[in-house]
Amino acid sequence: MRRSSVVSPIRDTPFDRCERGAAPPSLVRMEALRDSSGITARQREIVELIAQGLSNDEVGVVLGISPRTAKAHSDVLRQKLGVPRRRQIPVAFRLLTGEDPLASRLESARADNGG
């Protein structure tokens, strides 16, 4: 019996690149959006909306995601920030980063009022 020596070509898909040790481009972009606190740009949006008092349903409407996805984001934030309750996320974020999650909203309100 003769064996066929078929060599599989190197495929250039994100999965194959990941298997070869290279991070997929989407993960590279996500890491670039992450700052030293470990909070991504999308998670910052979630923190701001929670600080405004929005529910998961309302966060979903604003961001165009499902309420379940909004809840998943807040669950991850609770873990990262080490708080047991969703309502504690904005305070924990401010303590970690020194940033007020409502600062951008307040600045735009001042500009709208001519101040």
C-alpha atoms as a PDB file:
ATOM      1  CA  MET A   1       0.000   0.000   0.000  1.00  0.00           C
ATOM      2  CA  ARG A   2       1.282   3.375  -0.996  1.00  0.00           C
ATOM      3  CA  ARG A   3       0.708   6.334   1.282  1.00  0.00           C
ATOM      4  CA  SER A   4      -0.358   9.610  -0.150  1.00  0.00           C
ATOM      5  CA  SER A   5       1.801  12.457   1.001  1.00  0.00           C
ATOM      6  CA  VAL A   6      -0.744  15.229   1.130  1.00  0.00           C
ATOM      7  CA  VAL A   7       0.560  18.327   2.797  1.00  0.00           C
ATOM      8  CA  SER A   8      -2.142  20.575   4.089  1.00  0.00           C
ATOM      9  CA  PRO A   9      -1.604  24.155   3.019  1.00  0.00           C
ATOM     10  CA  ILE A  10      -1.253  26.863   5.619  1.00  0.00           C
ATOM     11  CA  ARG A  11      -4.610  28.499   5.725  1.00  0.00           C
ATOM     12  CA  ASP A  12      -4.911  32.161   6.493  1.00  0.00           C
ATOM     13  CA  THR A  13      -8.066  32.361   8.577  1.00  0.00           C
ATOM     14  CA  PRO A  14      -8.341  34.072  11.986  1.00  0.00           C
ATOM     15  CA  PHE A  15      -8.733  30.674  13.646  1.00  0.00           C
ATOM     16  CA  ASP A  16      -5.622  29.276  11.941  1.00  0.00           C
ATOM     17  CA  ARG A  17      -3.594  32.377  12.800  1.00  0.00           C
ATOM     18  CA  CYS A  18      -4.712  32.019  16.412  1.00  0.00           C
ATOM     19  CA  GLU A  19      -3.590  28.377  16.433  1.00  0.00           C
ATOM     20  CA  ARG A  20      -0.181  29.526  15.170  1.00  0.00           C
ATOM     21  CA  GLY A  21       0.068  31.946  18.114  1.00  0.00           C
ATOM     22  CA  ALA A  22      -1.074  35.193  16.525  1.00  0.00           C
ATOM     23  CA  ALA A  23      -3.978  37.008  18.143  1.00  0.00           C
ATOM     24  CA  PRO A  24      -6.968  37.580  15.878  1.00  0.00           C
ATOM     25  CA  PRO A  25      -7.293  41.174  14.662  1.00  0.00           C
ATOM     26  CA  SER A  26     -10.506  41.699  16.630  1.00  0.00           C
ATOM     27  CA  LEU A  27      -8.711  40.815  19.873  1.00  0.00           C
ATOM     28  CA  VAL A  28      -5.858  43.136  18.992  1.00  0.00           C
ATOM     29  CA  ARG A  29      -8.350  45.969  18.474  1.00  0.00           C
ATOM     30  CA  MET A  30     -10.083  45.140  21.763  1.00  0.00           C
ATOM     31  CA  GLU A  31      -6.788  45.263  23.630  1.00  0.00           C
ATOM     32  CA  ALA A  32      -6.069  48.678  22.100  1.00  0.00           C
ATOM     33  CA  LEU A  33      -9.388  49.942  23.452  1.00  0.00           C
ATOM     34  CA  ARG A  34      -8.551  48.666  26.919  1.00  0.00           C
ATOM     35  CA  ASP A  35      -6.746  51.023  29.262  1.00  0.00           C
ATOM     36  CA  SER A  36      -4.629  50.294  32.330  1.00  0.00           C
ATOM     37  CA  SER A  37      -7.761  49.751  34.444  1.00  0.00           C
ATOM     38  CA  GLY A  38      -8.805  46.862  32.184  1.00  0.00           C
ATOM     39  CA  ILE A  39     -12.073  48.574  31.219  1.00  0.00           C
ATOM     40  CA  THR A  40     -12.877  48.613  27.498  1.00  0.00           C
ATOM     41  CA  ALA A  41     -14.480  51.524  25.661  1.00  0.00           C
ATOM     42  CA  ARG A  42     -17.766  49.598  25.407  1.00  0.00           C
ATOM     43  CA  GLN A  43     -17.704  48.864  29.129  1.00  0.00           C
ATOM     44  CA  ARG A  44     -17.188  52.581  29.797  1.00  0.00           C
ATOM     45  CA  GLU A  45     -20.384  53.246  27.832  1.00  0.00           C
ATOM     46  CA  ILE A  46     -22.191  50.708  29.996  1.00  0.00           C
ATOM     47  CA  VAL A  47     -20.841  52.309  33.191  1.00  0.00           C
ATOM     48  CA  GLU A  48     -22.040  55.741  32.047  1.00  0.00           C
ATOM     49  CA  LEU A  49     -25.522  54.453  31.249  1.00  0.00           C
ATOM     50  CA  ILE A  50     -25.745  52.632  34.595  1.00  0.00           C
ATOM     51  CA  ALA A  51     -24.641  55.850  36.329  1.00  0.00           C
ATOM     52  CA  GLN A  52     -27.511  57.620  34.562  1.00  0.00           C
ATOM     53  CA  GLY A  53     -29.867  55.128  36.192  1.00  0.00           C
ATOM     54  CA  LEU A  54     -30.800  53.097  33.113  1.00  0.00           C
ATOM     55  CA  SER A  55     -32.005  49.502  33.461  1.00  0.00           C
ATOM     56  CA  ASN A  56     -30.574  46.661  31.367  1.00  0.00           C
ATOM     57  CA  ASP A  57     -33.597  46.953  29.070  1.00  0.00           C
ATOM     58  CA  GLU A  58     -32.922  50.688  28.587  1.00  0.00           C
ATOM     59  CA  VAL A  59     -29.172  50.150  28.115  1.00  0.00           C
ATOM     60  CA  GLY A  60     -30.035  47.624  25.428  1.00  0.00           C
ATOM     61  CA  VAL A  61     -32.263  50.099  23.593  1.00  0.00           C
ATOM     62  CA  VAL A  62     -29.650  52.888  23.724  1.00  0.00           C
ATOM     63  CA  LEU A  63     -26.788  50.673  22.518  1.00  0.00           C
ATOM     64  CA  GLY A  64     -28.778  48.474  20.150  1.00  0.00           C
ATOM     65  CA  ILE A  65     -28.078  45.285  22.073  1.00  0.00           C
ATOM     66  CA  SER A  66     -30.340  42.826  23.847  1.00  0.00           C
ATOM     67  CA  PRO A  67     -31.134  43.275  27.552  1.00  0.00           C
ATOM     68  CA  ARG A  68     -29.397  39.945  28.135  1.00  0.00           C
ATOM     69  CA  THR A  69     -26.189  41.267  26.544  1.00  0.00           C
ATOM     70  CA  ALA A  70     -26.468  44.439  28.651  1.00  0.00           C
ATOM     71  CA  LYS A  71     -26.771  42.251  31.756  1.00  0.00           C
ATOM     72  CA  ALA A  72     -23.727  40.229  30.690  1.00  0.00           C
ATOM     73  CA  HIS A  73     -21.734  43.467  30.348  1.00  0.00           C
ATOM     74  CA  SER A  74     -22.782  44.584  33.822  1.00  0.00           C
ATOM     75  CA  ASP A  75     -21.941  41.137  35.270  1.00  0.00           C
ATOM     76  CA  VAL A  76     -18.434  41.361  33.811  1.00  0.00           C
ATOM     77  CA  LEU A  77     -18.065  44.903  35.170  1.00  0.00           C
ATOM     78  CA  ARG A  78     -19.173  43.772  38.638  1.00  0.00           C
ATOM     79  CA  GLN A  79     -16.484  41.082  38.563  1.00  0.00           C
ATOM     80  CA  LYS A  80     -13.773  43.423  37.288  1.00  0.00           C
ATOM     81  CA  LEU A  81     -14.654  46.104  39.825  1.00  0.00           C
ATOM     82  CA  GLY A  82     -15.214  43.689  42.707  1.00  0.00           C
ATOM     83  CA  VAL A  83     -18.712  44.813  43.666  1.00  0.00           C
ATOM     84  CA  PRO A  84     -21.710  42.611  44.451  1.00  0.00           C
ATOM     85  CA  ARG A  85     -24.433  44.953  43.156  1.00  0.00           C
ATOM     86  CA  ARG A  86     -25.000  46.548  39.752  1.00  0.00           C
ATOM     87  CA  ARG A  87     -25.769  49.920  41.309  1.00  0.00           C
ATOM     88  CA  GLN A  88     -22.265  49.993  42.849  1.00  0.00           C
ATOM     89  CA  ILE A  89     -20.540  49.873  39.449  1.00  0.00           C
ATOM     90  CA  PRO A  90     -20.298  53.673  38.873  1.00  0.00           C
ATOM     91  CA  VAL A  91     -18.777  54.335  42.306  1.00  0.00           C
ATOM     92  CA  ALA A  92     -16.298  51.471  41.977  1.00  0.00           C
ATOM     93  CA  PHE A  93     -15.374  52.712  38.480  1.00  0.00           C
ATOM     94  CA  ARG A  94     -14.683  56.192  39.840  1.00  0.00           C
ATOM     95  CA  LEU A  95     -12.567  54.808  42.690  1.00  0.00           C
ATOM     96  CA  LEU A  96     -10.547  52.667  40.263  1.00  0.00           C
ATOM     97  CA  THR A  97     -10.016  55.202  37.481  1.00  0.00           C
ATOM     98  CA  GLY A  98     -10.522  58.556  39.187  1.00  0.00           C
ATOM     99  CA  GLU A  99     -12.990  59.445  36.419  1.00  0.00           C
ATOM    100  CA  ASP A 100     -16.583  60.521  36.907  1.00  0.00           C
ATOM    101  CA  PRO A 101     -18.706  58.297  34.641  1.00  0.00           C
ATOM    102  CA  LEU A 102     -21.135  61.189  34.137  1.00  0.00           C
ATOM    103  CA  ALA A 103     -18.456  63.802  33.325  1.00  0.00           C
ATOM    104  CA  SER A 104     -18.996  63.738  29.548  1.00  0.00           C
ATOM    105  CA  ARG A 105     -22.762  64.062  30.016  1.00  0.00           C
ATOM    106  CA  LEU A 106     -22.308  66.996  32.401  1.00  0.00           C
ATOM    107  CA  GLU A 107     -19.914  68.746  30.012  1.00  0.00           C
ATOM    108  CA  SER A 108     -22.372  68.465  27.129  1.00  0.00           C
ATOM    109  CA  ALA A 109     -25.197  69.751  29.365  1.00  0.00           C
ATOM    110  CA  ARG A 110     -23.070  72.796  30.300  1.00  0.00           C
ATOM    111  CA  ALA A 111     -22.333  73.462  26.634  1.00  0.00           C
ATOM    112  CA  ASP A 112     -26.040  73.200  25.798  1.00  0.00           C
ATOM    113  CA  ASN A 113     -26.816  75.761  28.509  1.00  0.00           C
ATOM    114  CA  GLY A 114     -24.112  78.154  27.341  1.00  0.00           C
ATOM    115  CA  GLY A 115     -21.924  77.621  30.400  1.00  0.00           C
END
